[in-house]
Amino acid sequence: MQHEKSCGALVFRTDESGQTFVLMIRHKPGGYRSFPKGHMERGETEYMTAVREVYEETAVQIRIKDSFRKTVHYSPMPGVSKEVVYFLTETKQEDIHAREGEIAQVEWIPVEKAEKCLNHENDKMVFRSAMASLKKRKLAASANS
């Protein structure tokens, strides 16, 4: 069995009106939406891979400061097991650009609509988990202010 490992991030942005968006990519093959991610390269940490892949696929620069880390496992094809590690981050950067080639589109999706946009159950599970973590963090921040 061949094993592949990828890392990526759920990138959130809140605008001046208080609306929150999540960054999604739409793949050319299949046209489905997911979160930016990609294969680890030799010598990289999981964080380094996630930061590089988000930038390569969307032109968004991130710094991962949160302890959120979710791992999903699946088999993209017979004889291949894939592990994907996701981190959570927030940005103020609005400007996004899709990488030439494999990505059809990069989008800021309002969080209320995001789960309906996802095709894969793994992505939905990671999204729900990230939203719960964001909600907890916001509650803690308001309790401390």
Protein backbone atom coordinates (compact mmCIF):
# COMPACT_ATOMS: atom_id res chain seq x y z
CA MET A 1 0.00 0.00 0.00
CA GLN A 2 1.34 3.41 -0.99
CA HIS A 3 0.99 6.15 1.65
CA GLU A 4 0.64 9.85 0.80
CA LYS A 5 0.60 12.76 3.23
CA SER A 6 -0.73 16.25 2.56
CA CYS A 7 -1.23 19.32 4.72
CA GLY A 8 -3.48 22.32 4.32
CA ALA A 9 -5.53 24.89 6.17
CA LEU A 10 -8.98 26.26 6.68
CA VAL A 11 -8.46 29.99 6.23
CA PHE A 12 -11.09 32.31 7.69
CA ARG A 13 -11.59 36.05 7.09
CA THR A 14 -14.06 38.43 8.74
CA ASP A 15 -14.96 41.63 6.87
CA GLU A 16 -15.76 45.08 8.28
CA SER A 17 -19.46 44.21 8.59
CA GLY A 18 -18.64 41.17 10.75
CA GLN A 19 -19.43 38.55 8.10
CA THR A 20 -17.05 35.57 8.18
CA PHE A 21 -15.83 33.73 5.08
CA VAL A 22 -13.80 30.57 4.52
CA LEU A 23 -11.32 30.16 1.66
CA MET A 24 -12.14 27.35 -0.77
CA ILE A 25 -10.68 26.09 -4.00
CA ARG A 26 -12.61 24.53 -6.85
CA HIS A 27 -10.72 21.77 -8.64
CA LYS A 28 -10.68 21.51 -12.43
CA PRO A 29 -11.05 17.73 -12.46
CA GLY A 30 -14.51 17.09 -11.03
CA GLY A 31 -15.32 20.72 -10.21
CA TYR A 32 -15.72 20.02 -6.48
CA ARG A 33 -14.76 22.47 -3.74
CA SER A 34 -12.36 21.81 -0.89
CA PHE A 35 -9.73 23.55 1.20
CA PRO A 36 -6.21 24.35 -0.01
CA LYS A 37 -3.78 21.51 0.66
CA GLY A 38 -0.93 19.60 -0.94
CA HIS A 39 1.82 17.04 -0.60
CA MET A 40 4.61 17.40 1.93
CA GLU A 41 8.07 17.86 0.46
CA ARG A 42 11.24 16.37 1.93
CA GLY A 43 12.45 18.34 4.95
CA GLU A 44 9.18 20.21 5.51
CA THR A 45 7.15 20.25 8.72
CA GLU A 46 3.37 19.95 8.54
CA TYR A 47 3.08 23.71 9.23
CA MET A 48 5.57 24.56 6.47
CA THR A 49 3.64 22.44 3.98
CA ALA A 50 0.29 23.99 4.91
CA VAL A 51 1.65 27.56 4.65
CA ARG A 52 3.36 26.84 1.30
CA GLU A 53 0.39 25.04 -0.22
CA VAL A 54 -2.15 27.70 0.79
CA TYR A 55 0.10 30.35 -0.76
CA GLU A 56 0.79 28.34 -3.93
CA GLU A 57 -2.88 27.54 -4.53
CA THR A 58 -4.51 30.83 -3.47
CA ALA A 59 -1.83 33.58 -3.09
CA VAL A 60 -2.93 34.02 0.55
CA GLN A 61 -0.13 34.29 3.08
CA ILE A 62 -0.94 32.69 6.42
CA ARG A 63 0.66 32.15 9.81
CA ILE A 64 -0.64 29.25 11.86
CA LYS A 65 -0.94 30.29 15.51
CA ASP A 66 -3.83 28.10 16.58
CA SER A 67 -3.46 24.65 18.16
CA PHE A 68 -6.26 23.25 15.94
CA ARG A 69 -5.03 20.17 14.05
CA LYS A 70 -7.40 17.71 12.37
CA THR A 71 -6.35 14.64 10.42
CA VAL A 72 -8.45 12.76 7.89
CA HIS A 73 -7.67 9.45 6.20
CA TYR A 74 -9.07 8.10 2.95
CA SER A 75 -8.19 6.07 -0.10
CA PRO A 76 -8.21 8.18 -3.29
CA MET A 77 -7.64 5.04 -5.38
CA PRO A 78 -7.03 1.33 -4.84
CA GLY A 79 -3.67 0.65 -3.16
CA VAL A 80 -3.24 4.24 -1.95
CA SER A 81 -3.92 5.51 1.57
CA LYS A 82 -3.91 9.25 2.08
CA GLU A 83 -3.53 11.27 5.27
CA VAL A 84 -4.38 14.97 5.24
CA VAL A 85 -3.57 17.25 8.18
CA TYR A 86 -5.53 20.51 8.40
CA PHE A 87 -4.77 23.59 10.46
CA LEU A 88 -6.94 26.61 11.18
CA THR A 89 -5.91 30.20 10.54
CA GLU A 90 -7.39 33.64 10.05
CA THR A 91 -6.33 36.38 7.66
CA LYS A 92 -7.29 39.92 6.74
CA GLN A 93 -6.12 39.39 3.14
CA GLU A 94 -9.02 39.66 0.68
CA ASP A 95 -7.07 39.32 -2.55
CA ILE A 96 -6.90 35.75 -3.91
CA HIS A 97 -5.61 34.15 -7.13
CA ALA A 98 -5.93 30.55 -8.33
CA ARG A 99 -2.77 28.69 -9.29
CA GLU A 100 -2.53 27.97 -13.00
CA GLY A 101 -3.35 24.40 -13.96
CA GLU A 102 -5.17 22.22 -11.47
CA ILE A 103 -7.35 24.84 -9.76
CA ALA A 104 -10.35 26.31 -11.56
CA GLN A 105 -11.28 28.92 -8.98
CA VAL A 106 -10.47 30.29 -5.53
CA GLU A 107 -13.39 31.70 -3.54
CA TRP A 108 -14.27 33.33 -0.24
CA ILE A 109 -17.45 31.47 0.77
CA PRO A 110 -19.70 32.85 3.56
CA VAL A 111 -19.45 30.37 6.46
CA GLU A 112 -23.25 29.95 6.53
CA LYS A 113 -23.12 28.50 2.99
CA ALA A 114 -19.79 26.69 3.22
CA GLU A 115 -20.87 23.24 4.38
CA LYS A 116 -23.42 22.95 1.55
CA CYS A 117 -20.61 23.70 -0.95
CA LEU A 118 -18.53 20.71 0.18
CA ASN A 119 -18.91 17.33 -1.55
CA HIS A 120 -16.76 15.12 0.67
CA GLU A 121 -17.83 14.07 4.18
CA ASN A 122 -14.20 14.42 5.42
CA ASP A 123 -14.21 18.11 4.39
CA LYS A 124 -17.57 18.67 6.10
CA MET A 125 -16.30 17.06 9.31
CA VAL A 126 -13.12 19.20 9.32
CA PHE A 127 -15.17 22.34 8.61
CA ARG A 128 -17.61 21.64 11.49
CA SER A 129 -14.67 21.01 13.80
CA ALA A 130 -12.94 24.27 12.75
CA MET A 131 -16.17 26.23 13.25
CA ALA A 132 -16.57 24.79 16.76
CA SER A 133 -12.97 25.77 17.55
CA LEU A 134 -13.50 29.33 16.23
CA LYS A 135 -16.70 29.67 18.25
CA LYS A 136 -14.90 28.51 21.43
CA ARG A 137 -12.07 30.95 20.80
CA LYS A 138 -14.49 33.88 20.27
CA LEU A 139 -16.39 32.97 23.48
CA ALA A 140 -13.13 32.85 25.43
CA ALA A 141 -12.04 36.19 23.97
CA SER A 142 -15.33 37.89 24.89
CA ALA A 143 -15.23 36.37 28.40
CA ASN A 144 -11.73 37.84 28.89
CA SER A 145 -12.62 41.33 27.68
